[in-house]
């Protein structure tokens, strides 16, 4: 029974990962095609947020996703609102990067997410890493640098936007996991809350910045060319599906597994974009992309080893003296020995 349950969980994770890769690569290709014809990344972002807001309510109700969780107003304004702000800014920056540079290069730059994670964890949480983790950042930085220097379609705005998006998505992943842990809110409801809040917060900004230009765009004024409207619709739907699958994967696996899956997804997106869009690349450029992705996998392995080492230190005795002290403490009545052993074994199982 346990083996069957474990096999089912593995199959579920694999299914969601494959679906995530396919939807994400399709979304990036459609997004690049759309922004080539319709250079309004803010409008594309607002369409995506509208899709999350409109589709999520009825579909989540139909799927039986629980509606309500008790979140205090203090926590809402302290965590949820900044998280929605970060989601919006990261999404806009990501669209600007895809608009200005090829999808393959934008995702190569986004491979620097471990670098942002290490830096932000150090600044915000005061978390120190092992020497191996710091060393694993070298191939990431080197690979992105090589890809940048050899990128035929290089654009400084595209590079900066991709870096801003990467930092935003890194913060979003960290704090989304925190909200899921703190509040017990369903991960899909959190997606709905963030999308709806970001839409209402930035609707006035979109009206002020983009509305007039969008209404005067030739493809919308003529009413004969439905290509842009169709691409907008598809991009909104695919982004909604991608968010659902990404939040589902995030809720099913550990942050390490999610990071590995995200790195693998990036490889898939880069390969599909090169094949579908056919942007010119050189051998050195491909080498830089490969080195950056390899660095991400190396980083994930280093983080895993560091966590395992920390767990062993908390479980195993540090010295002979501490072991003797622990054994002296464990001299107890026979009736209390069995519960203590059960608790000790359970802690070891969880640690592994």
Foldseek 3Di string as FASTA:
>chain_A
DVVVVVVVLVVVLVVLLVVLLVLVLVLLLLLLVLCVQPVDLLVLLLLLLVLLQVPLVVVCVVVVADADFDDDPVCCVVQLLVLLVLVSLLSSLLSQLVNQAPLLLLLLLLLLLLVLLQVCCCVPVVDDADPLLVVLSVLQVQLNVLLQVFGPRHDPSSNVSSNSSSNSVSVSLVSLVVCCVPTVHDLSNSSNSSSVSSSVVCVVVCCVPPPVVVCPRVCNVVVPNCSSVVSSVSSSVSSSVSSVSLSVSSVSDDPLVSLLSVLVSSVSSSVSSCVPVVDDGDPSNVVSSVSSSVSSVSSSVSVVVRLLVVLCPVLDDPDPVSVVVVVVVQPDDPVVNVVVVVVSVVSVVVSD
